[in-house]
Amino acid sequence: MARGGEDQILIPEVVPISFSADVKNEMAGLLPARPCCQLSELLGIYFGARGRLLRRPGDGRAAYFSLLRNAVARKVVRLGRAVGQMEAKYQAVKTKKRMTFFIELSLPPGLEGAFTQSAAAAMPDAACDRKAMLRGLFLGCGSVNAPSTRYHLEYVAPAPSWAATIRRLLEDAGVTAGVTERAGQEVVYVKDGDGIVRLLSLMGASRAVMEFENVRVVRSVSGEVNRRLNFETANISKTIGSGLRQASAIERLESSGRLERLPKALKEMARWRLANPELNLSELAVRMKLSKSAVNHRLRRLLELSEQVVQPHDHVRRSA
């Protein structure tokens, strides 16, 4: 393992940046001001990324991290230095599929217990520390979908006990979360758009929140436009269907010779409907300068009279 500072971990990313990676990069650029928050975030990354303790020469211990993002690796080094001037060793290993960053932080005396505590014991009491730990856990085991696809944020918990702790941290922050199992691992997830925005804001990802909200507005407007378009399309289909049925009934009256024997008002109604089968009742009423109820009544009367017409094929069926 090579030694050095976080500014030397500059190996470029080898995959196109995703929304989730962009969110992590933004969070990785934040450094809490208070030492307690710095330690909470470091512990969040450690436990989220399934870190482990290594024995060093003598009686010392080192926290060992295996991370997939350059920005997160740099932040681990920064946090280690801020918390206790921890000496950092790191190594970047590139494979065909991805780049992995291995970080080793030497722990100062008295800090080993923080890295060996249970999930329940690791949950901080202070609100600022909880926020920092949630950010660290997200950097270690979290991801979020681009809002243009579906609303989904999740933490792949390092252990079932951590799933319960993460869920409690989220719900204490006012975010409703669920837990499911995937490939033998507990996954804590948030599917509510408002909950995701609240959580991203809480963790300090302000640029991601703005992007998320912008996409949500576009999706909302598009959804409303589609609903209205579907509603209008359904109404048009219904209107055209009714108009064509009425026109067919009128043609039946005409072919039987009964149309000419009808009152003038019904003959006028028949002429207007045959000429305008696509108009709804209101539009037809305006054209004819009649009330909608009058137009409706006359069309219903034409339909009733049409049903009384006996066609030649009716005689054939009756004779049979």
Protein backbone atom coordinates (compact mmCIF):
# COMPACT_ATOMS: atom_id res chain seq x y z
CA MET A 1 0.00 0.00 0.00
CA ALA A 2 1.31 3.43 -0.97
CA ARG A 3 1.26 6.27 1.51
CA GLY A 4 0.09 9.76 0.79
CA GLY A 5 -2.58 12.41 1.18
CA GLU A 6 -6.07 12.57 -0.21
CA ASP A 7 -4.99 15.00 -2.94
CA GLN A 8 -2.95 12.20 -4.54
CA ILE A 9 -5.93 9.87 -5.07
CA LEU A 10 -6.65 11.32 -8.49
CA ILE A 11 -7.26 8.29 -10.66
CA PRO A 12 -10.07 9.23 -13.06
CA GLU A 13 -13.43 7.46 -13.01
CA VAL A 14 -13.76 4.79 -15.68
CA VAL A 15 -17.54 4.74 -16.00
CA PRO A 16 -20.01 7.44 -17.12
CA ILE A 17 -21.23 9.53 -14.21
CA SER A 18 -24.70 8.60 -12.97
CA PHE A 19 -27.12 10.67 -10.91
CA SER A 20 -26.32 8.58 -7.85
CA ALA A 21 -22.57 9.03 -8.37
CA ASP A 22 -23.08 12.75 -8.86
CA VAL A 23 -24.96 12.92 -5.55
CA LYS A 24 -22.13 11.07 -3.79
CA ASN A 25 -19.53 13.35 -5.32
CA GLU A 26 -21.42 16.36 -4.01
CA MET A 27 -21.71 14.85 -0.52
CA ALA A 28 -18.07 13.85 -0.54
CA GLY A 29 -17.12 17.48 -0.96
CA LEU A 30 -18.70 18.42 2.38
CA LEU A 31 -16.63 18.32 5.56
CA PRO A 32 -18.51 18.72 8.87
CA ALA A 33 -17.15 21.48 11.09
CA ARG A 34 -17.63 19.70 14.42
CA PRO A 35 -15.37 16.79 15.44
CA CYS A 36 -18.34 14.73 16.65
CA CYS A 37 -20.00 15.03 13.24
CA GLN A 38 -16.74 14.18 11.49
CA LEU A 39 -16.44 10.97 13.50
CA SER A 40 -20.10 10.05 12.93
CA GLU A 41 -19.72 10.42 9.17
CA LEU A 42 -16.49 8.44 9.15
CA LEU A 43 -18.20 5.65 11.11
CA GLY A 44 -21.14 5.76 8.68
CA ILE A 45 -18.83 5.18 5.73
CA TYR A 46 -16.90 2.50 7.61
CA PHE A 47 -19.93 0.46 8.64
CA GLY A 48 -21.84 1.11 5.39
CA ALA A 49 -18.91 -0.06 3.26
CA ARG A 50 -18.40 -3.13 5.49
CA GLY A 51 -15.06 -1.92 6.79
CA ARG A 52 -12.95 -4.06 9.10
CA LEU A 53 -10.17 -3.62 11.64
CA LEU A 54 -6.61 -4.68 10.93
CA ARG A 55 -3.88 -5.29 13.48
CA ARG A 56 -0.80 -3.14 12.96
CA PRO A 57 2.73 -3.73 14.25
CA GLY A 58 2.66 -3.39 18.01
CA ASP A 59 -0.74 -2.99 19.63
CA GLY A 60 -2.20 -0.59 17.09
CA ARG A 61 -5.29 -1.09 14.96
CA ALA A 62 -6.24 0.31 11.55
CA ALA A 63 -9.67 0.84 9.98
CA TYR A 64 -9.70 -0.75 6.53
CA PHE A 65 -12.06 0.52 3.79
CA SER A 66 -12.85 -0.89 0.35
CA LEU A 67 -14.54 1.82 -1.74
CA LEU A 68 -15.68 2.22 -5.32
CA ARG A 69 -15.54 6.00 -5.69
CA ASN A 70 -12.47 8.19 -5.79
CA ALA A 71 -14.28 11.11 -4.14
CA VAL A 72 -15.43 8.96 -1.21
CA ALA A 73 -11.90 7.58 -0.76
CA ARG A 74 -10.52 11.11 -0.58
CA LYS A 75 -13.13 12.04 1.98
CA VAL A 76 -12.23 9.09 4.20
CA VAL A 77 -8.65 10.37 4.30
CA ARG A 78 -9.82 13.92 5.06
CA LEU A 79 -12.12 12.75 7.84
CA GLY A 80 -9.40 10.57 9.34
CA ARG A 81 -7.03 13.49 9.49
CA ALA A 82 -9.70 15.81 10.89
CA VAL A 83 -10.83 13.37 13.58
CA GLY A 84 -7.43 12.33 14.94
CA GLN A 85 -4.59 13.06 12.55
CA MET A 86 -4.84 9.45 11.34
CA GLU A 87 -2.09 8.23 9.08
CA ALA A 88 -3.53 7.06 5.77
CA LYS A 89 -2.36 4.35 3.39
CA TYR A 90 -4.18 3.68 0.17
CA GLN A 91 -4.11 1.65 -2.98
CA ALA A 92 -6.14 1.89 -6.18
CA VAL A 93 -6.75 -1.33 -8.10
CA LYS A 94 -8.19 -1.24 -11.61
CA THR A 95 -10.01 -4.19 -13.19
CA LYS A 96 -11.89 -4.49 -16.47
CA LYS A 97 -15.18 -3.60 -14.77
CA ARG A 98 -14.29 -1.01 -12.15
CA MET A 99 -11.79 0.80 -9.98
CA THR A 100 -11.53 -0.06 -6.27
CA PHE A 101 -9.88 2.10 -3.63
CA PHE A 102 -8.43 0.50 -0.50
CA ILE A 103 -7.89 2.86 2.43
CA GLU A 104 -6.17 2.04 5.72
CA LEU A 105 -6.45 4.54 8.59
CA SER A 106 -4.34 4.08 11.70
CA LEU A 107 -6.60 4.54 14.73
CA PRO A 108 -5.40 6.65 17.66
CA PRO A 109 -5.57 5.09 21.15
CA GLY A 110 -9.05 5.04 22.63
CA LEU A 111 -10.89 5.20 19.28
CA GLU A 112 -10.94 1.49 18.45
CA GLY A 113 -14.15 0.95 20.42
CA ALA A 114 -16.09 3.27 18.11
CA PHE A 115 -15.26 0.99 15.16
CA THR A 116 -16.27 -2.22 16.95
CA GLN A 117 -19.59 -1.16 18.48
CA SER A 118 -22.96 -2.63 17.50
CA ALA A 119 -25.36 -0.90 15.13
CA ALA A 120 -27.68 0.12 17.94
CA ALA A 121 -24.81 1.53 20.01
CA ALA A 122 -23.36 3.37 17.02
CA MET A 123 -26.51 5.42 16.47
CA PRO A 124 -25.72 8.93 17.74
CA ASP A 125 -27.95 10.92 20.07
CA ALA A 126 -27.35 14.41 18.67
CA ALA A 127 -29.32 15.45 15.57
CA CYS A 128 -26.21 16.82 13.82
CA ASP A 129 -24.36 13.55 14.37
CA ARG A 130 -27.29 11.54 13.03
CA LYS A 131 -27.35 13.66 9.90
CA ALA A 132 -23.61 13.11 9.44
CA MET A 133 -23.95 9.36 9.98
CA LEU A 134 -26.79 9.13 7.45
CA ARG A 135 -24.56 10.87 4.90
CA GLY A 136 -21.68 8.54 5.71
CA LEU A 137 -23.89 5.47 5.41
CA PHE A 138 -25.18 6.72 2.06
CA LEU A 139 -21.61 7.18 0.84
CA GLY A 140 -20.80 3.67 2.03
CA CYS A 141 -23.84 1.67 0.93
CA GLY A 142 -26.45 4.01 -0.57
CA SER A 143 -27.73 4.87 -4.03
CA VAL A 144 -30.50 6.92 -5.57
CA ASN A 145 -32.21 6.64 -8.95
CA ALA A 146 -32.35 9.56 -11.34
CA PRO A 147 -35.74 11.22 -10.79
CA SER A 148 -36.49 10.98 -14.51
CA THR A 149 -36.86 7.19 -14.12
CA ARG A 150 -38.52 6.43 -10.79
CA TYR A 151 -38.34 7.69 -7.23
CA HIS A 152 -36.11 5.28 -5.36
CA LEU A 153 -33.36 5.76 -2.78
CA GLU A 154 -31.85 2.87 -0.86
CA TYR A 155 -29.23 1.70 1.61
CA VAL A 156 -27.94 -1.86 1.19
CA ALA A 157 -27.47 -2.55 4.90
CA PRO A 158 -24.22 -4.29 5.90
CA ALA A 159 -26.19 -6.45 8.36
CA PRO A 160 -29.84 -6.92 9.47
CA SER A 161 -29.11 -4.98 12.67
CA TRP A 162 -27.93 -2.06 10.56
CA ALA A 163 -31.12 -2.20 8.48
CA ALA A 164 -33.15 -1.57 11.63
CA THR A 165 -30.82 1.24 12.70
CA ILE A 166 -30.85 2.94 9.30
CA ARG A 167 -34.63 2.75 9.16
CA ARG A 168 -34.88 4.30 12.61
CA LEU A 169 -32.46 7.09 11.62
CA LEU A 170 -34.60 7.83 8.56
CA GLU A 171 -37.89 7.79 10.40
CA ASP A 172 -36.50 9.97 13.19
CA ALA A 173 -35.66 12.45 10.42
CA GLY A 174 -39.26 12.38 9.21
CA VAL A 175 -38.68 10.08 6.22
CA THR A 176 -40.86 6.99 5.78
CA ALA A 177 -38.77 3.96 4.83
CA GLY A 178 -39.38 0.30 4.06
CA VAL A 179 -37.16 -2.75 4.35
CA THR A 180 -36.90 -5.63 1.92
CA GLU A 181 -34.51 -8.48 1.21
CA ARG A 182 -32.55 -8.74 -1.99
CA ALA A 183 -30.00 -11.44 -2.74
CA GLY A 184 -29.76 -12.27 0.95
CA GLN A 185 -29.17 -8.66 1.99
CA GLU A 186 -31.45 -6.27 3.86
CA VAL A 187 -32.26 -3.16 1.83
CA VAL A 188 -33.76 -0.03 3.39
CA TYR A 189 -35.58 2.01 0.74
CA VAL A 190 -37.49 5.26 0.25
CA LYS A 191 -39.89 5.54 -2.69
CA ASP A 192 -41.66 8.77 -1.82
CA GLY A 193 -40.45 11.78 -3.81
CA ASP A 194 -40.95 14.18 -0.89
CA GLY A 195 -39.09 11.81 1.41
CA ILE A 196 -36.14 11.56 -0.99
CA VAL A 197 -35.95 15.33 -1.36
CA ARG A 198 -36.07 15.74 2.43
CA LEU A 199 -33.32 13.18 2.90
CA LEU A 200 -31.04 14.57 0.19
CA SER A 201 -31.48 18.03 1.67
CA LEU A 202 -30.74 16.71 5.15
CA MET A 203 -27.52 15.09 3.91
CA GLY A 204 -26.39 18.34 2.26
CA ALA A 205 -26.89 17.46 -1.43
CA SER A 206 -28.38 20.84 -2.39
CA ARG A 207 -27.53 20.61 -6.11
CA ALA A 208 -29.10 17.16 -6.29
CA VAL A 209 -32.22 18.51 -4.56
CA MET A 210 -32.56 21.27 -7.17
CA GLU A 211 -32.17 18.79 -10.03
CA PHE A 212 -34.58 16.37 -8.39
CA GLU A 213 -37.20 19.08 -7.87
CA ASN A 214 -36.84 20.37 -11.44
CA VAL A 215 -37.43 16.91 -12.86
CA ARG A 216 -40.37 16.39 -10.46
CA VAL A 217 -42.00 19.58 -11.75
CA VAL A 218 -41.57 18.47 -15.37
CA ARG A 219 -42.97 15.03 -14.56
CA SER A 220 -45.92 16.54 -12.73
CA VAL A 221 -46.77 18.90 -15.61
CA SER A 222 -46.33 16.12 -18.18
CA GLY A 223 -48.56 13.84 -16.15
CA GLU A 224 -51.27 16.49 -15.93
CA VAL A 225 -51.06 17.17 -19.66
CA ASN A 226 -51.32 13.45 -20.41
CA ARG A 227 -54.32 13.08 -18.09
CA ARG A 228 -56.10 15.96 -19.76
CA LEU A 229 -55.20 14.69 -23.21
CA ASN A 230 -56.53 11.22 -22.37
CA PHE A 231 -59.70 12.77 -20.95
CA GLU A 232 -60.24 14.88 -24.05
CA THR A 233 -59.48 11.93 -26.33
CA ALA A 234 -62.01 9.78 -24.48
CA ASN A 235 -64.63 12.52 -24.75
CA ILE A 236 -63.96 12.96 -28.46
CA SER A 237 -64.23 9.21 -29.04
CA LYS A 238 -67.46 9.10 -27.09
CA THR A 239 -68.88 12.09 -28.99
CA ILE A 240 -67.94 10.68 -32.39
CA GLY A 241 -69.32 7.27 -31.45
CA SER A 242 -72.66 8.75 -30.39
CA GLY A 243 -72.83 10.99 -33.45
CA LEU A 244 -72.20 8.07 -35.81
CA ARG A 245 -74.86 5.91 -34.11
CA GLN A 246 -77.37 8.74 -34.40
CA ALA A 247 -76.48 9.36 -38.06
CA SER A 248 -76.89 5.64 -38.78
CA ALA A 249 -80.31 5.65 -37.15
CA ILE A 250 -81.35 8.68 -39.21
CA GLU A 251 -80.18 6.99 -42.43
CA ARG A 252 -82.32 4.01 -41.49
CA LEU A 253 -85.35 6.27 -41.15
CA GLU A 254 -84.51 7.89 -44.46
CA SER A 255 -84.14 4.61 -46.36
CA SER A 256 -87.47 3.39 -45.01
CA GLY A 257 -89.24 6.59 -46.15
CA ARG A 258 -90.35 7.50 -42.62
CA LEU A 259 -88.06 10.49 -42.29
CA GLU A 260 -90.10 12.59 -44.75
CA ARG A 261 -93.27 11.97 -42.73
CA LEU A 262 -91.77 13.27 -39.47
CA PRO A 263 -92.43 16.72 -38.02
CA LYS A 264 -90.36 19.61 -39.32
CA ALA A 265 -88.36 19.92 -36.08
CA LEU A 266 -87.22 16.27 -36.25
CA LYS A 267 -86.38 16.50 -39.96
CA GLU A 268 -84.28 19.59 -39.29
CA MET A 269 -82.55 17.77 -36.42
CA ALA A 270 -81.84 14.81 -38.71
CA ARG A 271 -80.34 17.07 -41.37
CA TRP A 272 -78.03 18.77 -38.87
CA ARG A 273 -76.85 15.52 -37.33
CA LEU A 274 -76.15 13.89 -40.71
CA ALA A 275 -74.07 16.91 -41.68
CA ASN A 276 -72.20 17.11 -38.35
CA PRO A 277 -71.75 13.65 -36.75
CA GLU A 278 -68.53 14.81 -34.99
CA LEU A 279 -70.18 17.58 -32.92
CA ASN A 280 -71.22 17.00 -29.32
CA LEU A 281 -74.62 18.05 -28.00
CA SER A 282 -73.45 21.45 -26.79
CA GLU A 283 -71.76 22.31 -30.09
CA LEU A 284 -74.76 21.13 -32.07
CA ALA A 285 -77.09 23.18 -29.88
CA VAL A 286 -75.04 26.33 -30.49
CA ARG A 287 -75.07 25.78 -34.26
CA MET A 288 -78.83 25.22 -34.30
CA LYS A 289 -79.51 27.99 -31.77
CA LEU A 290 -81.38 25.58 -29.53
CA SER A 291 -80.95 24.43 -25.95
CA LYS A 292 -78.87 21.36 -25.25
CA SER A 293 -81.89 19.60 -23.74
CA ALA A 294 -83.93 20.27 -26.90
CA VAL A 295 -81.24 18.79 -29.12
CA ASN A 296 -80.89 15.78 -26.82
CA HIS A 297 -84.66 15.21 -26.76
CA ARG A 298 -84.96 15.32 -30.55
CA LEU A 299 -82.05 12.96 -31.13
CA ARG A 300 -83.43 10.48 -28.61
CA ARG A 301 -86.79 10.65 -30.40
CA LEU A 302 -85.10 9.90 -33.74
CA LEU A 303 -83.34 6.89 -32.21
CA GLU A 304 -86.63 5.56 -30.81
CA LEU A 305 -88.35 5.93 -34.18
CA SER A 306 -85.43 4.23 -35.90
CA GLU A 307 -85.81 1.17 -33.67
CA GLN A 308 -89.39 0.80 -34.92
CA VAL A 309 -88.35 0.57 -38.57
CA VAL A 310 -88.62 -2.93 -40.02
CA GLN A 311 -85.86 -3.68 -42.54
CA PRO A 312 -86.16 -6.30 -45.34
CA HIS A 313 -83.74 -8.68 -43.57
CA ASP A 314 -86.05 -8.51 -40.53
CA HIS A 315 -88.89 -9.93 -42.71
CA VAL A 316 -86.60 -12.76 -43.84
CA ARG A 317 -85.74 -13.71 -40.24
CA ARG A 318 -89.38 -13.62 -39.18
CA SER A 319 -90.47 -15.78 -42.18
CA ALA A 320 -87.78 -18.30 -41.34
